[in-house]
Amino acid sequence: MKKENDYNRYLVAGAGVSGRNACKLLLQLGKDVVLYDNNMNLDTEALTKELGGPGKLSFSLGEITDETLESVDICVISPGIPLDSFAAVRIREAGLEIWSEIELAWRFMKGRLVAITGTNGKTTTTTLTSHIFADNQESVFAVGNIGTAFTSQVLNTNENSVTVAEVSSFQLETIKKFRPTAAAILNITPDHLNRHKTMDNYVRAKEAIAMNMDKDDICVLNHEDPRLREFAKACPATVRFFSSEHELPEGAFVSGGNIYLRKNGIDEMVCSTHSLKIIGKHNYENVCAAVLLGDSLGVPMESIRRSVLAFTAVEHRIEYVREKNGVVYYNDSKGTNPDASIQAIKAMKRPTILIAGGYDKGSDYDEWLMACLPKTRKLVLVGATAKKIGEAAQRIGISQIEYADSFDDAVRVCIESARPGDAVLLSPACASWGMFPNYEVRGRRFKELVNEL
């Protein structure tokens, strides 16, 4: 597909990590950039030094103006800016096309792109997939929501590069020609409904990852997700399924405690699930997806197997912290929605004291609490959703509930309540906003408090 890169005057909306890296790339390419942000107090002098390049940088702060909109050809919008915000509406009304940062990166990158989305498991699968390619390729980049902006690595890519990108629904809302060589949708469960408004909108954003693909491209889907089985019928790419529940006629699946790749009717055992260093059925699904992505782009099974067996859990995803006085502590701060937290609680082998609560994204907590019921000895609740979760927990029969005034207080309650043989699990089922800037800071604070014991 031809990549049209003939715009010269860009508006970049949002001065966060995504926006700054988009600016930096464009300036290095010699483009003229206006960086817009509603924060009137941005240090423009420091940003000019940070982002400097041969292109011309100027700023538009506060309310976006007609003069700004008339001075540019196109807008690159940061994922944190909702499309129904005042600024985004003004940009559209001015007739400007809006790209996401991943669209911009794709326009200028070289080599092959593997893009991974889904409600849960994205970071683990992206990290593992990048390890699989790195075992077999010299030029491999792991980018996106994994912590490294896609645009920050574009100029390092070459025709032999493989870029593995974790992409979110917010980023996929504003793609135009973005086209991965291989993509994966790991699962779709309710999340970010405060942003997307309806589940249908959220599903469409996830499925957009494949909208520009064709049968020469590969789209890896979870056979256990009924929405994705239905999407497979309309998906323009060649679909390869994975499953943790069923032996598939083709694809990757878990059977009898082993992970298999079945291709052209021939089975090849990848590994035993017991030999993995990551736990839980959801992680077996992540491994299956990564195996299919590696195999689809020609990585030999020897490399795939070696990477899978060496892989350890990513930070903040059912991360073992320590054992103290017979109590094991796990950090699952990345469990920012109920479905992610379900996977964490299912992975627990001990009676569990669970810390939950945080920012309200409009989620329903009943299914998650039903999964917690048989394993949770005590529920410690904190944050804006504490009362909502507590009321739902009481309705389904969880009686051991304690409310904490702060996150540190919640951890203290768990430490005091835990008995030898218990697990203490931070898996909030909610975003961190309102208490912490992101889930990483929340998880690291949990580890600090536990390691101070």
Protein backbone atom coordinates (compact mmCIF):
# COMPACT_ATOMS: atom_id res chain seq x y z
CA MET A 1 0.00 0.00 0.00
CA LYS A 2 1.28 3.45 -0.93
CA LYS A 3 2.02 5.63 2.08
CA GLU A 4 1.20 9.28 1.35
CA ASN A 5 3.46 11.51 3.42
CA ASP A 6 3.12 14.79 1.55
CA TYR A 7 1.80 17.02 4.33
CA ASN A 8 4.18 19.71 5.55
CA ARG A 9 2.25 21.60 8.24
CA TYR A 10 1.07 19.53 11.21
CA LEU A 11 -1.02 20.30 14.26
CA VAL A 12 -0.12 17.96 17.14
CA ALA A 13 -2.83 17.99 19.81
CA GLY A 14 -1.64 17.12 23.30
CA ALA A 15 1.77 17.66 24.89
CA GLY A 16 2.02 14.34 26.73
CA VAL A 17 4.39 11.49 25.83
CA SER A 18 2.52 10.64 22.62
CA GLY A 19 2.31 14.24 21.42
CA ARG A 20 5.90 15.11 22.24
CA ASN A 21 7.25 12.10 20.38
CA ALA A 22 5.02 12.83 17.39
CA CYS A 23 6.41 16.38 17.37
CA LYS A 24 9.98 15.15 17.61
CA LEU A 25 9.58 12.79 14.64
CA LEU A 26 7.94 15.45 12.49
CA LEU A 27 10.55 18.07 13.33
CA GLN A 28 13.35 15.61 12.53
CA LEU A 29 11.67 15.07 9.16
CA GLY A 30 11.76 18.83 8.53
CA LYS A 31 8.02 19.43 8.96
CA ASP A 32 6.45 22.55 10.45
CA VAL A 33 4.61 21.70 13.68
CA VAL A 34 2.17 23.56 15.90
CA LEU A 35 1.94 21.87 19.31
CA TYR A 36 -1.46 22.52 20.87
CA ASP A 37 -2.31 21.92 24.54
CA ASN A 38 -4.99 23.41 26.79
CA ASN A 39 -2.41 23.91 29.55
CA MET A 40 -1.50 27.59 29.42
CA ASN A 41 1.49 27.02 31.72
CA LEU A 42 3.52 24.68 29.51
CA ASP A 43 7.24 25.44 29.55
CA THR A 44 7.57 26.13 25.83
CA GLU A 45 11.26 27.01 26.12
CA ALA A 46 12.09 23.61 27.63
CA LEU A 47 9.91 21.82 25.07
CA THR A 48 11.64 23.63 22.21
CA LYS A 49 15.00 22.39 23.50
CA GLU A 50 13.67 18.86 24.03
CA LEU A 51 12.00 18.52 20.64
CA GLY A 52 14.35 20.53 18.44
CA GLY A 53 14.95 19.52 14.84
CA PRO A 54 15.29 21.03 11.39
CA GLY A 55 11.54 21.65 11.24
CA LYS A 56 9.85 24.75 12.69
CA LEU A 57 8.03 24.40 16.06
CA SER A 58 5.42 26.80 17.41
CA PHE A 59 2.82 26.56 20.18
CA SER A 60 -0.90 27.11 20.62
CA LEU A 61 -1.99 27.00 24.28
CA GLY A 62 -5.37 27.29 25.95
CA GLU A 63 -8.36 27.47 23.62
CA ILE A 64 -7.64 26.38 20.06
CA THR A 65 -7.98 29.30 17.62
CA ASP A 66 -9.12 29.72 14.03
CA GLU A 67 -5.67 31.12 13.24
CA THR A 68 -4.04 27.87 14.44
CA LEU A 69 -6.47 25.69 12.51
CA GLU A 70 -5.99 27.68 9.30
CA SER A 71 -2.19 27.41 9.52
CA VAL A 72 -1.97 23.57 9.30
CA ASP A 73 -2.80 20.77 6.86
CA ILE A 74 -3.58 17.89 9.23
CA CYS A 75 -3.83 16.99 12.92
CA VAL A 76 -2.12 14.23 14.91
CA ILE A 77 -4.14 13.74 18.09
CA SER A 78 -2.96 12.24 21.36
CA PRO A 79 -4.96 9.20 22.55
CA GLY A 80 -5.84 10.94 25.81
CA ILE A 81 -7.97 13.54 24.00
CA PRO A 82 -11.54 12.25 23.47
CA LEU A 83 -12.95 12.77 20.00
CA ASP A 84 -16.01 14.49 21.48
CA SER A 85 -13.89 17.04 23.36
CA PHE A 86 -14.23 20.72 22.43
CA ALA A 87 -10.78 20.80 20.81
CA ALA A 88 -11.35 17.65 18.72
CA VAL A 89 -14.74 18.89 17.54
CA ARG A 90 -13.21 22.25 16.54
CA ILE A 91 -10.46 20.45 14.61
CA ARG A 92 -12.99 18.35 12.68
CA GLU A 93 -15.23 21.35 12.00
CA ALA A 94 -12.20 23.07 10.44
CA GLY A 95 -12.09 20.23 7.90
CA LEU A 96 -8.80 18.75 9.11
CA GLU A 97 -8.12 15.04 8.86
CA ILE A 98 -7.22 13.58 12.26
CA TRP A 99 -4.54 10.90 12.63
CA SER A 100 -3.51 8.97 15.69
CA GLU A 101 0.16 8.74 16.63
CA ILE A 102 0.24 5.14 15.36
CA GLU A 103 -1.04 6.28 11.96
CA LEU A 104 1.74 8.86 11.78
CA ALA A 105 4.34 6.28 12.81
CA TRP A 106 3.10 3.74 10.24
CA ARG A 107 3.35 6.33 7.46
CA PHE A 108 7.09 6.74 8.03
CA MET A 109 8.26 3.38 9.43
CA LYS A 110 10.11 0.75 7.39
CA GLY A 111 9.92 -3.02 7.57
CA ARG A 112 7.08 -5.17 8.89
CA LEU A 113 4.58 -4.28 11.61
CA VAL A 114 2.94 -6.66 14.09
CA ALA A 115 0.12 -4.91 15.97
CA ILE A 116 -1.58 -6.32 19.06
CA THR A 117 -4.77 -5.16 20.72
CA GLY A 118 -7.43 -6.54 23.04
CA THR A 119 -8.92 -5.64 26.39
CA ASN A 120 -6.40 -7.68 28.36
CA GLY A 121 -3.05 -9.36 27.78
CA LYS A 122 -1.67 -6.80 25.32
CA THR A 123 1.53 -5.95 27.19
CA THR A 124 2.43 -9.55 27.98
CA THR A 125 1.76 -10.68 24.40
CA THR A 126 3.59 -7.72 22.88
CA THR A 127 6.63 -8.28 25.08
CA LEU A 128 6.72 -12.03 24.40
CA THR A 129 6.20 -11.55 20.67
CA SER A 130 9.04 -9.05 20.49
CA HIS A 131 11.28 -11.55 22.31
CA ILE A 132 10.34 -14.23 19.78
CA PHE A 133 11.38 -11.99 16.89
CA ALA A 134 14.49 -10.72 18.68
CA ASP A 135 15.72 -14.31 18.97
CA ASN A 136 15.62 -14.53 15.18
CA GLN A 137 16.05 -10.97 13.84
CA GLU A 138 18.63 -8.21 14.33
CA SER A 139 16.29 -5.20 14.13
CA VAL A 140 13.24 -5.57 16.42
CA PHE A 141 11.32 -2.83 18.23
CA ALA A 142 8.64 -3.16 20.93
CA VAL A 143 6.53 0.00 20.95
CA GLY A 144 3.15 1.52 21.76
CA ASN A 145 1.28 1.27 25.05
CA ILE A 146 4.08 -0.98 26.29
CA GLY A 147 5.88 2.22 27.31
CA THR A 148 7.85 3.33 24.22
CA ALA A 149 6.08 5.68 21.82
CA PHE A 150 5.84 4.19 18.32
CA THR A 151 7.02 7.47 16.76
CA SER A 152 10.17 7.46 18.91
CA GLN A 153 11.56 4.42 17.04
CA VAL A 154 10.41 5.08 13.47
CA LEU A 155 13.68 6.57 12.23
CA ASN A 156 15.59 3.57 13.61
CA THR A 157 13.67 1.09 11.45
CA ASN A 158 14.91 -0.36 8.17
CA GLU A 159 13.50 -2.64 5.49
CA ASN A 160 14.43 -5.73 7.55
CA SER A 161 12.97 -4.46 10.82
CA VAL A 162 10.07 -6.01 12.70
CA THR A 163 8.14 -3.58 14.89
CA VAL A 164 5.78 -5.10 17.47
CA ALA A 165 3.22 -2.54 18.68
CA GLU A 166 0.73 -2.67 21.51
CA VAL A 167 -2.16 -0.51 20.33
CA SER A 168 -5.21 0.71 22.23
CA SER A 169 -8.79 1.39 21.23
CA PHE A 170 -8.11 5.12 21.72
CA GLN A 171 -5.33 4.97 19.11
CA LEU A 172 -7.35 2.82 16.72
CA GLU A 173 -10.22 5.34 16.68
CA THR A 174 -8.21 7.63 14.38
CA ILE A 175 -6.34 5.34 11.99
CA LYS A 176 -6.82 5.87 8.25
CA LYS A 177 -4.47 3.61 6.26
CA PHE A 178 -2.64 1.93 9.16
CA ARG A 179 -1.96 -1.63 8.03
CA PRO A 180 -0.05 -4.26 10.00
CA THR A 181 1.54 -7.25 8.31
CA ALA A 182 0.14 -9.35 11.16
CA ALA A 183 -2.28 -8.35 13.90
CA ALA A 184 -3.89 -9.93 16.95
CA ILE A 185 -7.10 -9.18 18.84
CA LEU A 186 -6.68 -11.10 22.08
CA ASN A 187 -10.16 -10.62 23.57
CA ILE A 188 -12.88 -7.99 23.88
CA THR A 189 -14.64 -7.42 27.20
CA PRO A 190 -16.26 -4.24 28.58
CA ASP A 191 -13.75 -1.46 29.26
CA HIS A 192 -13.39 2.31 28.69
CA LEU A 193 -17.15 2.67 28.26
CA ASN A 194 -16.91 6.13 29.79
CA ARG A 195 -14.92 7.07 26.66
CA HIS A 196 -16.52 4.92 23.96
CA LYS A 197 -20.09 5.29 25.35
CA THR A 198 -21.31 1.92 24.03
CA MET A 199 -19.90 -1.58 23.80
CA ASP A 200 -20.53 -1.55 20.04
CA ASN A 201 -18.31 1.51 19.65
CA TYR A 202 -15.57 -0.15 21.72
CA VAL A 203 -15.76 -3.36 19.66
CA ARG A 204 -15.59 -1.43 16.39
CA ALA A 205 -12.49 0.42 17.58
CA LYS A 206 -10.71 -2.85 18.39
CA GLU A 207 -11.73 -4.52 15.11
CA ALA A 208 -10.45 -1.50 13.15
CA ILE A 209 -6.93 -2.91 13.57
CA ALA A 210 -7.66 -5.12 10.54
CA MET A 211 -9.68 -2.71 8.40
CA ASN A 212 -6.91 -2.09 5.83
CA MET A 213 -5.56 -5.65 5.74
CA ASP A 214 -6.12 -8.21 2.99
CA LYS A 215 -5.66 -11.96 2.56
CA ASP A 216 -1.90 -11.55 2.31
CA ASP A 217 -1.95 -10.35 5.93
CA ILE A 218 -2.60 -12.39 9.08
CA CYS A 219 -5.09 -11.61 11.85
CA VAL A 220 -4.83 -13.76 14.99
CA LEU A 221 -8.08 -14.09 16.96
CA ASN A 222 -9.24 -15.75 20.18
CA HIS A 223 -11.59 -18.61 19.33
CA GLU A 224 -13.10 -18.47 22.83
CA ASP A 225 -14.40 -14.93 22.31
CA PRO A 226 -17.80 -15.13 20.55
CA ARG A 227 -17.46 -11.57 19.22
CA LEU A 228 -14.17 -12.47 17.57
CA ARG A 229 -15.53 -15.70 16.08
CA GLU A 230 -18.23 -13.57 14.47
CA PHE A 231 -15.72 -10.93 13.35
CA ALA A 232 -13.63 -13.64 11.66
CA LYS A 233 -16.39 -14.06 9.07
CA ALA A 234 -15.95 -10.46 7.89
CA CYS A 235 -12.26 -9.97 8.63
CA PRO A 236 -10.43 -9.01 5.40
CA ALA A 237 -7.18 -10.71 6.53
CA THR A 238 -6.38 -14.42 6.72
CA VAL A 239 -7.56 -15.47 10.20
CA ARG A 240 -5.63 -17.82 12.49
CA PHE A 241 -7.33 -18.82 15.73
CA PHE A 242 -5.98 -19.74 19.17
CA SER A 243 -7.84 -21.44 22.00
CA SER A 244 -7.34 -22.38 25.64
CA GLU A 245 -10.45 -24.61 25.65
CA HIS A 246 -10.68 -26.51 22.34
CA GLU A 247 -8.46 -28.42 19.97
CA LEU A 248 -8.68 -26.49 16.72
CA PRO A 249 -8.48 -27.91 13.21
CA GLU A 250 -5.83 -25.22 12.54
CA GLY A 251 -4.12 -22.80 14.91
CA ALA A 252 -2.60 -22.81 18.39
CA PHE A 253 -4.32 -24.41 21.36
CA VAL A 254 -3.93 -25.85 24.84
CA SER A 255 -4.63 -29.55 25.31
CA GLY A 256 -3.71 -31.97 28.06
CA GLY A 257 -1.39 -29.49 29.77
CA ASN A 258 0.54 -28.75 26.55
CA ILE A 259 0.50 -25.95 23.97
CA TYR A 260 0.36 -27.10 20.33
CA LEU A 261 0.63 -25.46 16.94
CA ARG A 262 -1.45 -27.26 14.33
CA LYS A 263 -0.67 -26.28 10.75
CA ASN A 264 -1.75 -28.06 7.57
CA GLY A 265 -3.02 -30.91 9.72
CA ILE A 266 0.35 -31.47 11.43
CA ASP A 267 0.75 -30.95 15.19
CA GLU A 268 3.89 -29.57 16.76
CA MET A 269 4.16 -29.33 20.53
CA VAL A 270 5.41 -25.90 21.61
CA CYS A 271 5.84 -26.68 25.31
CA SER A 272 4.17 -27.90 28.46
CA THR A 273 2.21 -25.28 30.36
CA HIS A 274 4.00 -26.48 33.52
CA SER A 275 7.34 -25.44 32.02
CA LEU A 276 6.23 -21.82 31.56
CA LYS A 277 7.36 -19.11 33.98
CA ILE A 278 4.00 -17.32 33.72
CA ILE A 279 0.82 -18.65 35.29
CA GLY A 280 -2.88 -18.71 34.48
CA LYS A 281 -5.07 -19.71 31.55
CA HIS A 282 -5.05 -16.15 30.22
CA ASN A 283 -1.26 -16.36 29.91
CA TYR A 284 -1.53 -19.64 28.00
CA GLU A 285 -3.75 -17.74 25.56
CA ASN A 286 -1.16 -14.96 25.34
CA VAL A 287 1.51 -17.56 24.53
CA CYS A 288 -0.70 -19.11 21.83
CA ALA A 289 -1.22 -15.71 20.20
CA ALA A 290 2.51 -14.92 20.26
CA VAL A 291 3.33 -18.34 18.79
CA LEU A 292 0.96 -17.71 15.88
CA LEU A 293 2.35 -14.22 15.24
CA GLY A 294 5.93 -15.52 15.21
CA ASP A 295 5.05 -18.48 13.01
CA SER A 296 3.06 -16.28 10.61
CA LEU A 297 6.15 -14.18 9.88
CA GLY A 298 8.44 -17.17 9.48
CA VAL A 299 10.16 -17.54 12.86
CA PRO A 300 11.32 -21.16 13.30
CA MET A 301 9.73 -23.19 16.09
CA GLU A 302 13.12 -23.59 17.77
CA SER A 303 13.33 -19.81 18.28
CA ILE A 304 9.68 -19.57 19.33
CA ARG A 305 10.06 -22.35 21.90
CA ARG A 306 13.26 -20.93 23.33
CA SER A 307 11.67 -17.49 23.81
CA VAL A 308 8.46 -18.86 25.31
CA LEU A 309 10.28 -20.99 27.88
CA ALA A 310 12.58 -18.14 28.93
CA PHE A 311 9.82 -15.55 29.26
CA THR A 312 8.94 -14.16 32.70
CA ALA A 313 5.94 -12.05 33.76
CA VAL A 314 5.92 -8.38 32.90
CA GLU A 315 5.96 -5.86 35.71
CA HIS A 316 2.55 -5.19 37.30
CA ARG A 317 0.85 -8.27 35.77
CA ILE A 318 0.47 -10.96 38.47
CA GLU A 319 4.02 -10.05 39.44
CA TYR A 320 5.46 -11.97 42.38
CA VAL A 321 6.79 -9.43 44.89
CA ARG A 322 7.94 -11.45 47.90
CA GLU A 323 6.96 -13.91 50.62
CA LYS A 324 7.00 -12.70 54.23
CA ASN A 325 5.82 -14.62 57.31
CA GLY A 326 4.21 -17.27 55.10
CA VAL A 327 2.24 -14.69 53.07
CA VAL A 328 2.88 -14.25 49.33
CA TYR A 329 2.38 -10.78 47.80
CA TYR A 330 1.42 -10.26 44.13
CA ASN A 331 1.31 -6.98 42.19
CA ASP A 332 -1.36 -6.97 39.48
CA SER A 333 -1.75 -3.20 39.23
CA LYS A 334 -2.23 -3.62 35.47
CA GLY A 335 -5.57 -5.25 36.29
CA THR A 336 -7.38 -2.03 35.43
CA ASN A 337 -10.72 -3.60 34.50
CA PRO A 338 -12.86 -6.44 35.89
CA ASP A 339 -11.92 -9.00 33.24
CA ALA A 340 -8.19 -8.51 33.79
CA SER A 341 -8.69 -8.88 37.52
CA ILE A 342 -10.70 -12.07 36.98
CA GLN A 343 -7.64 -13.64 35.36
CA ALA A 344 -5.49 -12.65 38.34
CA ILE A 345 -7.84 -14.02 40.98
CA LYS A 346 -8.22 -17.27 39.01
CA ALA A 347 -4.43 -17.67 39.05
CA MET A 348 -4.29 -17.53 42.86
CA LYS A 349 -3.70 -20.88 44.60
CA ARG A 350 -4.14 -19.58 48.18
CA PRO A 351 -6.87 -17.85 50.21
CA THR A 352 -6.55 -14.28 49.00
CA ILE A 353 -6.84 -10.83 50.51
CA LEU A 354 -7.63 -8.58 47.58
CA ILE A 355 -7.07 -4.83 47.20
CA ALA A 356 -9.49 -3.32 44.70
CA GLY A 357 -11.02 -0.02 43.68
CA GLY A 358 -10.00 3.19 41.97
CA TYR A 359 -11.27 5.36 39.12
CA ASP A 360 -14.74 4.55 37.79
CA LYS A 361 -14.68 3.73 34.06
CA GLY A 362 -18.33 2.72 34.08
CA SER A 363 -17.62 -0.99 34.54
CA ASP A 364 -19.96 -3.62 35.94
CA TYR A 365 -18.38 -5.61 38.77
CA ASP A 366 -20.78 -8.52 39.34
CA GLU A 367 -19.04 -11.13 37.15
CA TRP A 368 -15.64 -10.23 38.62
CA LEU A 369 -16.96 -10.48 42.18
CA MET A 370 -18.49 -13.88 41.44
CA ALA A 371 -15.02 -15.05 40.37
CA CYS A 372 -13.59 -13.56 43.59
CA LEU A 373 -16.16 -15.23 45.87
CA PRO A 374 -14.58 -18.70 46.23
CA LYS A 375 -11.00 -17.46 46.74
CA THR A 376 -11.21 -14.08 48.44
CA ARG A 377 -10.90 -14.23 52.22
CA LYS A 378 -11.15 -10.47 52.53
CA LEU A 379 -11.86 -7.58 50.17
CA VAL A 380 -10.10 -4.30 50.93
CA LEU A 381 -11.60 -1.40 48.97
CA VAL A 382 -10.22 2.03 48.22
CA GLY A 383 -10.83 4.90 45.80
CA ALA A 384 -13.85 6.34 43.99
CA THR A 385 -15.41 2.94 43.25
CA ALA A 386 -15.07 1.52 46.79
CA LYS A 387 -18.72 2.00 47.76
CA LYS A 388 -20.04 0.77 44.40
CA ILE A 389 -17.91 -2.39 44.58
CA GLY A 390 -18.73 -2.94 48.26
CA GLU A 391 -22.48 -2.82 47.65
CA ALA A 392 -22.16 -5.25 44.72
CA ALA A 393 -19.97 -7.57 46.83
CA GLN A 394 -22.54 -7.69 49.62
CA ARG A 395 -25.30 -8.54 47.15
CA ILE A 396 -23.45 -11.67 45.98
CA GLY A 397 -22.47 -12.79 49.48
CA ILE A 398 -18.97 -11.42 50.15
CA SER A 399 -19.16 -10.29 53.77
CA GLN A 400 -15.51 -9.75 54.70
CA ILE A 401 -15.13 -6.20 53.37
CA GLU A 402 -13.03 -3.36 54.74
CA TYR A 403 -12.80 0.18 53.41
CA ALA A 404 -9.52 2.09 53.46
CA ASP A 405 -9.05 5.84 53.51
CA SER A 406 -5.94 5.71 51.30
CA PHE A 407 -3.94 3.28 49.20
CA ASP A 408 -1.22 3.01 51.85
CA ASP A 409 -3.91 2.32 54.45
CA ALA A 410 -5.33 -0.46 52.22
CA VAL A 411 -1.94 -2.17 52.05
CA ARG A 412 -1.55 -1.83 55.84
CA VAL A 413 -4.96 -3.48 56.38
CA CYS A 414 -3.92 -6.41 54.16
CA ILE A 415 -0.62 -6.89 55.98
CA GLU A 416 -2.36 -6.89 59.35
CA SER A 417 -5.12 -9.24 58.18
CA ALA A 418 -2.96 -11.80 56.37
CA ARG A 419 -2.21 -15.20 57.93
CA PRO A 420 0.47 -17.74 56.96
CA GLY A 421 -0.71 -19.53 53.82
CA ASP A 422 -2.55 -16.47 52.45
CA ALA A 423 -1.87 -14.39 49.36
CA VAL A 424 -2.20 -10.62 49.23
CA LEU A 425 -3.14 -9.50 45.72
CA LEU A 426 -3.31 -5.98 44.34
CA SER A 427 -5.65 -6.35 41.36
CA PRO A 428 -7.91 -3.29 41.48
CA ALA A 429 -10.28 -3.92 38.52
CA CYS A 430 -10.15 -0.13 38.11
CA ALA A 431 -7.84 2.50 36.67
CA SER A 432 -5.49 4.33 39.03
CA TRP A 433 -6.52 7.89 38.13
CA GLY A 434 -7.53 10.01 41.09
CA MET A 435 -4.97 8.33 43.36
CA PHE A 436 -2.01 7.80 41.00
CA PRO A 437 -1.05 9.12 37.54
CA ASN A 438 -0.96 5.56 36.13
CA TYR A 439 -1.01 1.90 37.11
CA GLU A 440 2.82 1.71 37.11
CA VAL A 441 3.12 4.24 39.92
CA ARG A 442 0.38 2.41 41.85
CA GLY A 443 2.13 -0.94 41.43
CA ARG A 444 5.51 0.42 42.44
CA ARG A 445 4.04 2.01 45.57
CA PHE A 446 2.55 -1.38 46.50
CA LYS A 447 5.95 -3.04 46.04
CA GLU A 448 7.66 -0.35 48.11
CA LEU A 449 5.27 -0.90 51.00
CA VAL A 450 5.58 -4.68 50.83
CA ASN A 451 9.37 -4.61 50.58
CA GLU A 452 9.55 -2.32 53.62
CA LEU A 453 8.09 -5.11 55.79
